[in-house]
Amino acid sequence: MTYNLADTDTSQAILERLEDFYRHLDNSQLPQLSRIYHPNIVFIDPVGQHNGVDALEEYFRQLLKTVNYCRFDIQQSQRNGNEATLVWRMDYAHPKLNKGQNLSLDGISHLRLADDLILYQRDYYDLGAMLYEHVPLLGTAVRALKARLKS
């Protein structure tokens, strides 16, 4: 399959749409996915891989059902041709984690752009810091294991 490469102005516009989407992430934003992501998007994160914009929309729909809120602050972005790297902080709250209080998580996304959309996204973040460390008993064990590995 052949994809057209995005020019610099188009790449910037795509990244701005992406940043706006994640800054205001909620169910009302989901129809915007097709303006940001290619129909054949490959989206990978520590939870799993989602192929196609419909699968990605369902993933976000399920995610947003379980959280009180989820917002991203893109702190830095770098572009190199049709690739980009984003450094971000996610602020979120889940009713079963940290007594529903605000949590933050730092991460990085690697993007590939084609046909004026994002064709590939891989998110890197610590799933333990996101979930496991905030679950009673399991969190204690994970934190103890991390401390032991530091010794």
Protein backbone atom coordinates (compact mmCIF):
# COMPACT_ATOMS: atom_id res chain seq x y z
CA MET A 1 0.00 0.00 0.00
CA THR A 2 1.33 3.45 -0.92
CA TYR A 3 0.71 6.52 1.20
CA ASN A 4 1.28 10.17 0.38
CA LEU A 5 3.67 12.03 2.63
CA ALA A 6 2.46 15.14 4.42
CA ASP A 7 4.18 18.50 3.88
CA THR A 8 5.38 20.60 6.82
CA ASP A 9 2.29 22.84 7.03
CA THR A 10 -0.04 19.85 6.83
CA SER A 11 1.98 17.98 9.46
CA GLN A 12 1.71 20.95 11.79
CA ALA A 13 -2.08 21.14 11.27
CA ILE A 14 -2.43 17.41 12.00
CA LEU A 15 -0.44 17.76 15.24
CA GLU A 16 -2.53 20.77 16.28
CA ARG A 17 -5.77 18.80 15.73
CA LEU A 18 -4.31 15.90 17.72
CA GLU A 19 -3.27 18.17 20.58
CA ASP A 20 -6.71 19.80 20.70
CA PHE A 21 -8.40 16.37 20.68
CA TYR A 22 -6.39 15.08 23.63
CA ARG A 23 -6.57 18.34 25.55
CA HIS A 24 -10.39 18.03 25.61
CA LEU A 25 -10.73 14.24 25.53
CA ASP A 26 -14.29 13.09 26.18
CA ASN A 27 -17.03 11.26 24.27
CA SER A 28 -18.05 14.42 22.41
CA GLN A 29 -14.59 14.47 20.79
CA LEU A 30 -14.73 10.94 19.35
CA PRO A 31 -16.29 11.99 16.00
CA GLN A 32 -13.07 13.99 15.43
CA LEU A 33 -10.96 10.81 15.22
CA SER A 34 -11.46 10.48 11.46
CA ARG A 35 -10.10 14.03 10.98
CA ILE A 36 -6.93 13.07 12.85
CA TYR A 37 -6.31 9.38 12.25
CA HIS A 38 -5.98 7.47 8.99
CA PRO A 39 -8.66 4.78 8.37
CA ASN A 40 -5.81 2.21 8.64
CA ILE A 41 -4.33 3.63 11.86
CA VAL A 42 -2.18 1.27 13.90
CA PHE A 43 -2.40 2.49 17.49
CA ILE A 44 -0.26 0.71 20.07
CA ASP A 45 0.00 1.36 23.79
CA PRO A 46 0.85 -0.78 26.83
CA VAL A 47 -2.79 -1.93 26.96
CA GLY A 48 -2.84 -3.33 23.43
CA GLN A 49 -2.92 -2.73 19.69
CA HIS A 50 -5.88 -1.26 17.83
CA ASN A 51 -6.06 -1.46 14.04
CA GLY A 52 -8.30 0.94 12.15
CA VAL A 53 -10.08 4.11 13.17
CA ASP A 54 -13.26 2.23 14.15
CA ALA A 55 -11.32 0.00 16.58
CA LEU A 56 -9.58 3.07 17.98
CA GLU A 57 -12.89 4.83 18.52
CA GLU A 58 -14.26 1.80 20.37
CA TYR A 59 -11.10 1.68 22.52
CA PHE A 60 -11.55 5.34 23.50
CA ARG A 61 -15.27 4.84 24.09
CA GLN A 62 -14.56 1.98 26.52
CA LEU A 63 -11.74 3.91 28.22
CA LEU A 64 -13.90 6.98 28.73
CA LYS A 65 -16.68 4.88 30.31
CA THR A 66 -14.39 3.94 33.18
CA VAL A 67 -12.71 7.26 34.02
CA ASN A 68 -14.07 10.41 35.62
CA TYR A 69 -11.96 12.43 33.20
CA CYS A 70 -8.82 12.15 31.09
CA ARG A 71 -6.90 15.12 29.68
CA PHE A 72 -3.48 15.48 28.07
CA ASP A 73 -1.01 18.32 28.07
CA ILE A 74 1.43 18.04 25.16
CA GLN A 75 4.58 19.49 26.66
CA GLN A 76 6.89 19.12 23.69
CA SER A 77 6.68 18.00 20.07
CA GLN A 78 9.39 17.30 17.54
CA ARG A 79 8.90 16.58 13.86
CA ASN A 80 11.29 14.96 11.45
CA GLY A 81 9.80 14.51 8.00
CA ASN A 82 6.70 12.33 8.34
CA GLU A 83 7.45 11.34 11.91
CA ALA A 84 6.82 13.14 15.16
CA THR A 85 7.47 12.57 18.83
CA LEU A 86 5.25 14.04 21.53
CA VAL A 87 6.12 14.34 25.21
CA TRP A 88 2.95 14.57 27.29
CA ARG A 89 1.40 14.46 30.71
CA MET A 90 -1.95 12.80 31.21
CA ASP A 91 -4.17 13.94 34.07
CA TYR A 92 -6.97 11.53 34.89
CA ALA A 93 -9.23 10.28 37.63
CA HIS A 94 -10.72 6.81 37.96
CA PRO A 95 -13.29 6.08 40.67
CA LYS A 96 -11.43 2.92 41.77
CA LEU A 97 -7.92 4.41 41.81
CA ASN A 98 -6.56 6.75 44.49
CA LYS A 99 -10.09 7.20 45.89
CA GLY A 100 -11.12 8.92 42.65
CA GLN A 101 -8.61 11.73 43.13
CA ASN A 102 -6.52 13.28 40.36
CA LEU A 103 -3.59 11.25 39.04
CA SER A 104 -0.87 12.22 36.56
CA LEU A 105 1.23 10.13 34.21
CA ASP A 106 4.06 11.13 31.88
CA GLY A 107 4.47 9.52 28.49
CA ILE A 108 5.78 9.77 24.95
CA SER A 109 4.09 9.10 21.62
CA HIS A 110 5.81 8.20 18.34
CA LEU A 111 3.74 9.14 15.27
CA ARG A 112 3.96 8.48 11.54
CA LEU A 113 1.95 10.68 9.21
CA ALA A 114 0.59 9.86 5.77
CA ASP A 115 -2.25 11.06 3.54
CA ASP A 116 -2.62 14.15 5.76
CA LEU A 117 -3.49 11.97 8.79
CA ILE A 118 -1.77 9.94 11.51
CA LEU A 119 -1.13 6.43 10.20
CA TYR A 120 0.76 5.03 13.20
CA GLN A 121 0.91 5.93 16.88
CA ARG A 122 2.79 4.13 19.61
CA ASP A 123 2.44 5.40 23.16
CA TYR A 124 5.07 4.66 25.78
CA TYR A 125 4.21 4.99 29.46
CA ASP A 126 4.46 3.08 32.72
CA LEU A 127 1.28 1.00 33.02
CA GLY A 128 2.22 0.13 36.61
CA ALA A 129 2.36 3.80 37.55
CA MET A 130 -0.94 4.37 35.75
CA LEU A 131 -2.92 1.52 37.28
CA TYR A 132 -1.28 -1.12 39.41
CA GLU A 133 0.38 1.18 41.94
CA HIS A 134 -3.02 2.65 42.83
CA VAL A 135 -4.84 -0.63 43.48
CA PRO A 136 -4.96 -1.59 47.18
CA LEU A 137 -2.59 -4.45 48.10
CA LEU A 138 -1.34 -4.79 44.51
CA GLY A 139 -0.04 -1.22 44.66
CA THR A 140 1.88 -1.96 47.84
CA ALA A 141 3.48 -5.01 46.21
CA VAL A 142 4.41 -3.12 43.02
CA ARG A 143 5.94 -0.22 44.95
CA ALA A 144 7.89 -2.66 47.16
CA LEU A 145 9.19 -4.51 44.11
CA LYS A 146 10.29 -1.24 42.48
CA ALA A 147 12.06 -0.18 45.68
CA ARG A 148 13.81 -3.54 45.87
CA LEU A 149 14.99 -3.26 42.26
CA LYS A 150 16.52 0.14 43.04
CA SER A 151 18.65 -1.34 45.85
